Amino acid sequence: MNWWRKQHLLVQVAIGGAIGIVLGLIFGENISHISPIGDIFIRLLEMLIVPLTFFVLIDGITNLPSIKSLRSIGGMTILYYATTTAIAAFLGICVALLINPGKGAEGILTGGKDIEPEEFSFVENLVNWVPSNIIQSMAETSMLQIIIAATIIGIALLSLGESTKRITKLVHEGSILMLKITDYIMKLAPLGILALIANLVGTTDLSILYESIYYVLSALLGLSILFFVVYPLLIKLLTNYSPIQFLKNVASALTVAAATSSSNATLPASMAVSKKQGISDKVYGFTLPLGATINMDGLAVTFGVTGVFAANLYGLPITIGLILQFIFLGIALSMGTAGARGADIVMMSILMSTLGLPLEIVAIYAAVSPIIDTGNTVNNIFGDLTGTAIINKRYSGEDNLPTHDEKNISTLS
């Protein structure tokens, strides 16, 4: 039992998923008797979706420096993070459209029933994004409305500064509370994933396993392109560094990222390699803590791939509107991802809920997340370090650079 407790959550989930596959193959449809365990896990995830998104997103915004300080380096940093996140999400979508994971198992998760996605059009539904009643939005799990409302509230609190510190503290404590609840629920993830995967394998066509392999390959290919093509190109064009030399300089931080699968846990190593490269502490002291909070390019790639995978599995037409929605959600959700164990699994459930799709696909992601999540984190950190080098080249000569309040950095991982 002590051995089990010492294992990383990803290892526990991987073991649970592997056992689930074996049980599903052995017992076939009889394994459905344990499906209530998986159903309970899904319901617990659903319980998290609204309060976790609301509190963590507002907390992330209020942890930024003041609105005034964002006029210089802050605006450029946030623009860089938002742009690279959008590029990452688009990259994931393109790779997934090329490989088309899930196309060979269309309708397999629904038993042939038609799944209707949430209607989406930037022209027709822009008004519907704005909530008229935030309580109603929460009750109906209208995630786009909740995201917009949380963003507006967060920006307002940030602009008011010290005058609303009690509300900001309350939101921060609410965020901590939700992260702790998330931590508790994720302790059940290995058992929940075991039951879900066992039921999936035992009661559905085995083609889902083959399609899952294509899903993993799509995600890894997208992450590889981001790592070996996109970031080196940005380094070459926008900094004074050689891409190869830069990669060598930051290799130790990337190794820590791969070992911990946590952006927050890698923060000290990221700061150390930035200092060794001669980057101003006023730059990396702001960009790296901020990046650990809101810059999740690797996860954005995976969001893009997952969106296409889900659309194929549920037999949804992949339209321009749906692609734009994937990109928007890739930015919003990756920036709102909490620094807690298993947060990527929770965010996948939020992605599916926002798209109006069933959550069964979360079990597939959770089973393969030990393979994908390392690539996610390594790209997240490489993106932070690349952005820091770019910002440093432009602003290193300025004296009035904002600093980031390190007291606000989450230590949860």
Protein backbone atom coordinates (compact mmCIF):
# COMPACT_ATOMS: atom_id res chain seq x y z
CA MET A 1 0.00 0.00 0.00
CA ASN A 2 2.87 2.35 0.80
CA TRP A 3 4.34 1.64 -2.63
CA TRP A 4 1.08 2.65 -4.25
CA ARG A 5 0.89 5.94 -2.31
CA LYS A 6 4.41 6.86 -3.39
CA GLN A 7 3.61 6.55 -7.10
CA HIS A 8 2.88 9.61 -9.21
CA LEU A 9 -0.78 10.04 -10.14
CA LEU A 10 0.05 9.43 -13.81
CA VAL A 11 1.61 6.08 -12.91
CA GLN A 12 -1.44 5.13 -10.85
CA VAL A 13 -3.80 6.11 -13.69
CA ALA A 14 -1.70 4.16 -16.19
CA ILE A 15 -1.86 1.06 -14.01
CA GLY A 16 -5.61 1.50 -13.56
CA GLY A 17 -6.10 1.90 -17.30
CA ALA A 18 -3.98 -1.19 -18.08
CA ILE A 19 -5.90 -3.31 -15.56
CA GLY A 20 -9.16 -1.99 -17.02
CA ILE A 21 -8.16 -3.11 -20.52
CA VAL A 22 -7.27 -6.60 -19.26
CA LEU A 23 -10.52 -6.94 -17.28
CA GLY A 24 -12.55 -5.73 -20.25
CA LEU A 25 -10.93 -8.28 -22.56
CA ILE A 26 -11.42 -11.13 -20.06
CA PHE A 27 -14.98 -10.50 -18.89
CA GLY A 28 -16.47 -8.82 -21.96
CA GLU A 29 -19.98 -7.43 -21.43
CA ASN A 30 -20.14 -8.89 -17.91
CA ILE A 31 -17.72 -6.20 -16.81
CA SER A 32 -20.60 -3.70 -17.02
CA HIS A 33 -21.40 -4.57 -13.37
CA ILE A 34 -18.55 -2.29 -12.27
CA SER A 35 -19.66 0.58 -14.50
CA PRO A 36 -21.34 2.45 -11.57
CA ILE A 37 -17.86 3.09 -10.17
CA GLY A 38 -16.92 4.89 -13.37
CA ASP A 39 -20.25 6.72 -13.42
CA ILE A 40 -19.61 8.04 -9.90
CA PHE A 41 -16.17 9.29 -10.95
CA ILE A 42 -17.68 11.09 -13.96
CA ARG A 43 -20.34 12.70 -11.75
CA LEU A 44 -17.64 13.93 -9.36
CA LEU A 45 -15.81 15.49 -12.32
CA GLU A 46 -19.04 17.13 -13.43
CA MET A 47 -19.46 18.54 -9.93
CA LEU A 48 -16.06 20.25 -10.24
CA ILE A 49 -16.58 21.83 -13.65
CA VAL A 50 -18.42 25.05 -12.79
CA PRO A 51 -16.86 26.12 -9.45
CA LEU A 52 -13.34 25.10 -10.46
CA THR A 53 -13.49 27.06 -13.72
CA PHE A 54 -15.07 30.10 -12.08
CA PHE A 55 -12.73 30.44 -9.10
CA VAL A 56 -9.47 29.42 -10.76
CA LEU A 57 -9.98 31.65 -13.81
CA ILE A 58 -10.77 34.73 -11.69
CA ASP A 59 -7.89 33.93 -9.34
CA GLY A 60 -5.50 33.59 -12.25
CA ILE A 61 -6.46 37.02 -13.58
CA THR A 62 -6.26 38.75 -10.19
CA ASN A 63 -2.80 37.25 -9.66
CA LEU A 64 -1.54 39.34 -12.55
CA PRO A 65 0.16 42.68 -11.86
CA SER A 66 -1.99 45.80 -11.85
CA ILE A 67 -3.69 46.99 -15.03
CA LYS A 68 -1.30 49.96 -15.10
CA SER A 69 1.79 47.78 -15.05
CA LEU A 70 0.54 45.78 -18.02
CA ARG A 71 1.01 48.74 -20.36
CA SER A 72 4.60 47.79 -21.09
CA ILE A 73 6.03 44.32 -20.69
CA GLY A 74 2.81 42.83 -19.36
CA GLY A 75 0.77 43.52 -22.48
CA MET A 76 3.45 42.08 -24.75
CA THR A 77 3.88 39.02 -22.53
CA ILE A 78 0.18 38.24 -22.41
CA LEU A 79 -0.08 38.85 -26.18
CA TYR A 80 2.77 36.39 -26.75
CA TYR A 81 1.22 33.75 -24.51
CA ALA A 82 -2.23 34.13 -26.10
CA THR A 83 -0.79 34.04 -29.63
CA THR A 84 1.37 30.96 -29.09
CA THR A 85 -1.52 29.20 -27.35
CA ALA A 86 -3.75 29.90 -30.37
CA ILE A 87 -1.01 28.64 -32.71
CA ALA A 88 -0.62 25.51 -30.58
CA ALA A 89 -4.36 24.79 -30.60
CA PHE A 90 -4.51 25.33 -34.37
CA LEU A 91 -1.48 23.06 -34.83
CA GLY A 92 -3.18 20.30 -32.84
CA ILE A 93 -6.30 20.64 -34.96
CA CYS A 94 -4.34 20.50 -38.23
CA VAL A 95 -2.40 17.39 -37.21
CA ALA A 96 -5.58 15.69 -36.03
CA LEU A 97 -7.39 16.55 -39.27
CA LEU A 98 -4.47 15.02 -41.17
CA ILE A 99 -4.43 11.75 -39.18
CA ASN A 100 -8.16 11.75 -38.34
CA PRO A 101 -8.11 9.77 -35.06
CA GLY A 102 -11.51 8.33 -34.21
CA LYS A 103 -12.76 8.29 -37.79
CA GLY A 104 -12.78 4.50 -37.87
CA ALA A 105 -14.93 4.27 -34.73
CA GLU A 106 -17.62 6.81 -35.54
CA GLY A 107 -20.65 6.46 -33.27
CA ILE A 108 -19.08 3.64 -31.27
CA LEU A 109 -19.40 5.45 -27.93
CA THR A 110 -23.01 6.39 -28.52
CA GLY A 111 -24.45 3.06 -29.61
CA GLY A 112 -25.48 4.60 -32.90
CA LYS A 113 -27.41 7.46 -31.28
CA ASP A 114 -26.99 10.91 -32.79
CA ILE A 115 -25.10 13.46 -30.70
CA GLU A 116 -25.91 17.09 -31.32
CA PRO A 117 -23.10 19.52 -30.44
CA GLU A 118 -23.77 22.89 -28.93
CA GLU A 119 -24.72 25.27 -31.75
CA PHE A 120 -21.81 27.57 -32.48
CA SER A 121 -21.33 30.50 -34.82
CA PHE A 122 -19.26 33.58 -34.16
CA VAL A 123 -21.86 35.68 -35.94
CA GLU A 124 -25.10 34.12 -34.73
CA ASN A 125 -24.10 33.15 -31.20
CA LEU A 126 -21.81 35.98 -30.11
CA VAL A 127 -24.68 37.47 -28.11
CA ASN A 128 -25.31 34.12 -26.43
CA TRP A 129 -21.77 34.09 -25.07
CA VAL A 130 -22.62 36.97 -22.76
CA PRO A 131 -24.56 35.75 -19.72
CA SER A 132 -27.76 37.52 -18.75
CA ASN A 133 -27.91 35.57 -15.49
CA ILE A 134 -24.68 34.08 -14.18
CA ILE A 135 -26.53 31.85 -11.70
CA GLN A 136 -28.61 30.43 -14.52
CA SER A 137 -25.44 29.92 -16.59
CA MET A 138 -23.93 27.93 -13.74
CA ALA A 139 -27.11 25.89 -13.23
CA GLU A 140 -27.21 25.03 -16.95
CA THR A 141 -23.41 24.51 -17.15
CA SER A 142 -23.14 27.08 -19.96
CA MET A 143 -19.37 27.12 -19.87
CA LEU A 144 -18.73 29.81 -22.48
CA GLN A 145 -20.95 32.18 -20.51
CA ILE A 146 -19.20 31.24 -17.27
CA ILE A 147 -15.76 31.81 -18.83
CA ILE A 148 -16.81 35.25 -20.14
CA ALA A 149 -18.35 36.23 -16.78
CA ALA A 150 -15.29 35.06 -14.82
CA THR A 151 -13.00 37.00 -17.17
CA ILE A 152 -15.02 40.21 -16.75
CA ILE A 153 -15.12 39.83 -12.96
CA GLY A 154 -11.39 39.07 -12.82
CA ILE A 155 -10.43 42.12 -14.89
CA ALA A 156 -12.70 44.36 -12.78
CA LEU A 157 -11.17 43.08 -9.53
CA LEU A 158 -7.67 43.55 -10.94
CA SER A 159 -8.43 47.15 -11.93
CA LEU A 160 -9.85 47.97 -8.48
CA GLY A 161 -6.70 46.75 -6.74
CA GLU A 162 -6.48 47.05 -2.95
CA SER A 163 -10.04 48.32 -2.56
CA THR A 164 -11.36 44.81 -3.27
CA LYS A 165 -8.64 42.82 -1.55
CA ARG A 166 -11.16 41.02 0.68
CA ILE A 167 -13.12 39.79 -2.35
CA THR A 168 -9.88 38.86 -4.10
CA LYS A 169 -8.78 36.94 -1.01
CA LEU A 170 -12.14 35.17 -0.90
CA VAL A 171 -11.79 34.16 -4.56
CA HIS A 172 -8.23 32.99 -3.94
CA GLU A 173 -9.38 30.90 -0.98
CA GLY A 174 -12.22 29.54 -3.11
CA SER A 175 -9.65 28.55 -5.72
CA ILE A 176 -7.53 26.81 -3.08
CA LEU A 177 -10.63 25.00 -1.82
CA MET A 178 -11.55 23.77 -5.31
CA LEU A 179 -7.99 22.65 -5.94
CA LYS A 180 -8.03 20.65 -2.71
CA ILE A 181 -11.36 19.04 -3.66
CA THR A 182 -9.87 18.29 -7.07
CA ASP A 183 -6.93 16.66 -5.35
CA TYR A 184 -9.26 14.46 -3.30
CA ILE A 185 -11.32 13.44 -6.32
CA MET A 186 -8.21 12.67 -8.37
CA LYS A 187 -7.15 10.17 -5.73
CA LEU A 188 -10.12 8.14 -7.00
CA ALA A 189 -9.03 8.55 -10.63
CA PRO A 190 -7.14 5.21 -10.93
CA LEU A 191 -10.22 3.25 -9.77
CA GLY A 192 -12.63 5.38 -11.80
CA ILE A 193 -10.52 5.10 -14.95
CA LEU A 194 -10.15 1.35 -14.39
CA ALA A 195 -13.93 0.95 -14.34
CA LEU A 196 -14.52 3.26 -17.31
CA ILE A 197 -11.85 1.66 -19.50
CA ALA A 198 -12.93 -1.87 -18.53
CA ASN A 199 -16.51 -1.08 -19.45
CA LEU A 200 -15.41 0.62 -22.67
CA VAL A 201 -13.29 -2.34 -23.78
CA GLY A 202 -15.76 -4.99 -22.61
CA THR A 203 -18.92 -3.49 -24.11
CA THR A 204 -17.72 -1.75 -27.30
CA ASP A 205 -15.91 -2.68 -30.47
CA LEU A 206 -12.14 -3.04 -30.01
CA SER A 207 -11.60 -0.57 -32.84
CA ILE A 208 -11.72 2.11 -30.13
CA LEU A 209 -8.32 0.86 -28.93
CA TYR A 210 -6.81 1.23 -32.40
CA GLU A 211 -8.27 4.71 -32.75
CA SER A 212 -6.80 5.63 -29.36
CA ILE A 213 -3.36 4.80 -30.73
CA TYR A 214 -3.92 7.25 -33.58
CA TYR A 215 -5.09 9.79 -31.02
CA VAL A 216 -1.86 9.46 -29.05
CA LEU A 217 0.23 9.63 -32.23
CA SER A 218 -1.61 12.78 -33.32
CA ALA A 219 -0.99 14.47 -29.98
CA LEU A 220 2.69 13.48 -29.89
CA LEU A 221 3.22 14.62 -33.49
CA GLY A 222 1.61 17.99 -32.74
CA LEU A 223 3.72 18.40 -29.61
CA SER A 224 6.88 17.46 -31.54
CA ILE A 225 6.19 20.04 -34.26
CA LEU A 226 5.62 22.70 -31.61
CA PHE A 227 8.87 21.77 -29.86
CA PHE A 228 11.18 21.21 -32.83
CA VAL A 229 9.74 23.67 -35.37
CA VAL A 230 7.60 26.46 -33.91
CA TYR A 231 9.72 27.43 -30.89
CA PRO A 232 13.11 27.20 -32.70
CA LEU A 233 11.65 29.38 -35.47
CA LEU A 234 10.55 32.00 -32.92
CA ILE A 235 13.98 31.88 -31.27
CA LYS A 236 15.72 32.28 -34.63
CA LEU A 237 13.56 35.20 -35.77
CA LEU A 238 12.89 37.09 -32.56
CA THR A 239 15.94 36.63 -30.29
CA ASN A 240 19.72 36.84 -30.48
CA TYR A 241 20.13 33.15 -29.65
CA SER A 242 20.88 30.19 -31.87
CA PRO A 243 18.01 27.67 -31.55
CA ILE A 244 20.40 24.78 -30.88
CA GLN A 245 22.42 26.72 -28.32
CA PHE A 246 19.24 27.97 -26.65
CA LEU A 247 17.95 24.41 -26.37
CA LYS A 248 21.21 23.32 -24.78
CA ASN A 249 21.02 26.23 -22.33
CA VAL A 250 17.51 25.35 -21.15
CA ALA A 251 17.86 21.56 -21.27
CA SER A 252 18.12 21.21 -17.49
CA ALA A 253 14.79 22.99 -16.95
CA LEU A 254 13.13 20.86 -19.63
CA THR A 255 14.45 17.74 -17.90
CA VAL A 256 12.84 18.85 -14.64
CA ALA A 257 9.60 19.50 -16.54
CA ALA A 258 9.67 15.99 -18.00
CA ALA A 259 10.34 14.45 -14.61
CA THR A 260 7.71 16.39 -12.65
CA SER A 261 4.99 17.06 -15.28
CA SER A 262 4.40 20.32 -13.40
CA SER A 263 5.02 23.87 -14.64
CA ASN A 264 4.98 25.22 -11.09
CA ALA A 265 7.48 22.66 -9.82
CA THR A 266 9.80 23.55 -12.73
CA LEU A 267 9.68 27.30 -12.02
CA PRO A 268 12.91 27.47 -9.95
CA ALA A 269 14.82 25.58 -12.66
CA SER A 270 13.37 27.86 -15.35
CA MET A 271 14.49 30.93 -13.42
CA ALA A 272 17.96 29.46 -12.92
CA VAL A 273 18.59 28.81 -16.63
CA SER A 274 17.22 32.25 -17.55
CA LYS A 275 19.62 33.89 -15.10
CA LYS A 276 22.55 31.92 -16.54
CA GLN A 277 21.67 33.21 -20.00
CA GLY A 278 21.97 36.79 -18.80
CA ILE A 279 18.26 37.56 -18.99
CA SER A 280 17.16 40.42 -16.74
CA ASP A 281 15.61 39.31 -13.45
CA LYS A 282 12.95 41.97 -13.99
CA VAL A 283 11.96 40.10 -17.14
CA TYR A 284 12.12 36.47 -16.07
CA GLY A 285 10.82 37.36 -12.60
CA PHE A 286 7.63 38.45 -14.32
CA THR A 287 7.28 36.27 -17.43
CA LEU A 288 8.09 32.88 -15.90
CA PRO A 289 5.69 32.95 -12.90
CA LEU A 290 3.01 34.35 -15.21
CA GLY A 291 3.77 31.66 -17.80
CA ALA A 292 3.55 28.91 -15.18
CA THR A 293 0.08 30.23 -14.42
CA ILE A 294 -1.45 30.92 -17.83
CA ASN A 295 0.82 29.60 -20.61
CA MET A 296 -0.10 26.00 -21.45
CA ASP A 297 0.82 25.63 -25.12
CA GLY A 298 1.36 21.88 -24.87
CA LEU A 299 -2.08 21.37 -23.38
CA ALA A 300 -3.55 23.61 -26.10
CA VAL A 301 -2.16 21.21 -28.74
CA THR A 302 -3.79 18.32 -26.93
CA PHE A 303 -7.07 20.23 -26.65
CA GLY A 304 -7.05 20.71 -30.42
CA VAL A 305 -6.36 17.03 -31.08
CA THR A 306 -8.97 15.95 -28.54
CA GLY A 307 -11.59 18.20 -30.10
CA VAL A 308 -11.16 16.58 -33.51
CA PHE A 309 -10.94 13.10 -31.97
CA ALA A 310 -14.21 13.67 -30.10
CA ALA A 311 -15.92 15.08 -33.20
CA ASN A 312 -14.92 11.99 -35.19
CA LEU A 313 -15.99 9.57 -32.48
CA TYR A 314 -19.37 11.24 -32.09
CA GLY A 315 -19.89 11.66 -35.83
CA LEU A 316 -19.92 15.47 -35.82
CA PRO A 317 -19.13 17.46 -38.98
CA ILE A 318 -15.94 19.48 -38.48
CA THR A 319 -16.94 22.93 -39.67
CA ILE A 320 -15.03 26.23 -39.69
CA GLY A 321 -17.17 27.34 -36.75
CA LEU A 322 -16.26 24.23 -34.76
CA ILE A 323 -12.56 24.73 -35.52
CA LEU A 324 -12.74 28.34 -34.34
CA GLN A 325 -14.46 27.15 -31.19
CA PHE A 326 -11.67 24.62 -30.58
CA ILE A 327 -9.10 27.43 -30.87
CA PHE A 328 -11.04 29.76 -28.57
CA LEU A 329 -11.46 27.04 -25.97
CA GLY A 330 -7.82 26.04 -26.34
CA ILE A 331 -6.82 29.56 -25.30
CA ALA A 332 -9.43 30.02 -22.56
CA LEU A 333 -9.17 26.59 -20.94
CA SER A 334 -5.39 26.20 -21.13
CA MET A 335 -5.00 29.63 -19.51
CA GLY A 336 -7.48 28.59 -16.83
CA THR A 337 -5.88 25.23 -16.07
CA ALA A 338 -5.16 24.81 -12.36
CA GLY A 339 -1.76 23.80 -11.06
CA ALA A 340 -3.09 20.64 -9.43
CA ARG A 341 -2.51 16.95 -9.98
CA GLY A 342 -4.74 15.62 -12.71
CA ALA A 343 -5.89 19.11 -13.71
CA ASP A 344 -5.51 18.19 -17.39
CA ILE A 345 -8.02 15.37 -16.92
CA VAL A 346 -10.47 17.75 -15.24
CA MET A 347 -9.98 20.33 -18.01
CA MET A 348 -10.74 17.68 -20.63
CA SER A 349 -14.08 17.11 -18.92
CA ILE A 350 -14.68 20.88 -19.05
CA LEU A 351 -13.79 20.89 -22.76
CA MET A 352 -16.30 18.14 -23.50
CA SER A 353 -18.96 19.81 -21.36
CA THR A 354 -18.43 23.14 -23.11
CA LEU A 355 -18.81 21.46 -26.49
CA GLY A 356 -22.01 19.80 -25.26
CA LEU A 357 -20.56 16.30 -25.67
CA PRO A 358 -20.65 13.24 -23.36
CA LEU A 359 -17.72 12.77 -20.98
CA GLU A 360 -16.88 9.15 -21.84
CA ILE A 361 -13.92 10.31 -23.92
CA VAL A 362 -12.32 11.66 -20.74
CA ALA A 363 -11.57 8.07 -19.73
CA ILE A 364 -9.64 7.55 -22.97
CA TYR A 365 -7.61 10.70 -22.41
CA ALA A 366 -6.93 9.80 -18.77
CA ALA A 367 -5.68 6.36 -19.78
CA VAL A 368 -3.14 7.81 -22.23
CA SER A 369 -2.33 11.00 -20.29
CA PRO A 370 0.84 9.49 -18.75
CA ILE A 371 2.24 9.42 -22.29
CA ILE A 372 0.94 12.80 -23.42
CA ASP A 373 1.21 14.90 -20.26
CA THR A 374 5.02 14.84 -20.19
CA GLY A 375 5.06 16.32 -23.69
CA ASN A 376 2.48 18.88 -22.62
CA THR A 377 4.59 20.11 -19.70
CA VAL A 378 7.89 20.17 -21.59
CA ASN A 379 6.29 22.32 -24.29
CA ASN A 380 4.68 24.56 -21.68
CA ILE A 381 8.09 25.27 -20.14
CA PHE A 382 9.87 25.64 -23.49
CA GLY A 383 7.19 28.16 -24.46
CA ASP A 384 7.71 30.11 -21.22
CA LEU A 385 11.48 30.23 -21.76
CA THR A 386 11.16 31.18 -25.43
CA GLY A 387 8.77 34.00 -24.57
CA THR A 388 11.11 35.20 -21.82
CA ALA A 389 14.00 35.44 -24.29
CA ILE A 390 11.83 37.33 -26.79
CA ILE A 391 10.55 39.79 -24.18
CA ASN A 392 14.06 40.26 -22.80
CA LYS A 393 15.41 41.32 -26.20
CA ARG A 394 12.76 44.03 -26.49
CA TYR A 395 12.52 45.33 -22.94
CA SER A 396 15.80 44.56 -21.17
CA GLY A 397 16.89 48.18 -21.44
CA GLU A 398 13.83 49.59 -19.68
CA ASP A 399 13.95 50.50 -15.99
CA ASN A 400 10.21 50.60 -15.27
CA LEU A 401 9.51 46.94 -15.72
CA PRO A 402 6.70 45.44 -13.66
CA THR A 403 7.44 42.72 -11.16
CA HIS A 404 5.29 39.73 -10.44
CA ASP A 405 4.17 39.08 -6.87
CA GLU A 406 5.70 35.70 -6.13
CA LYS A 407 3.37 35.29 -3.16
CA ASN A 408 0.62 34.61 -5.69
CA ILE A 409 2.42 31.75 -7.37
CA SER A 410 0.56 28.51 -6.77
CA THR A 411 2.64 25.80 -5.17
CA LEU A 412 0.17 23.07 -6.00
CA SER A 413 1.31 20.66 -8.68
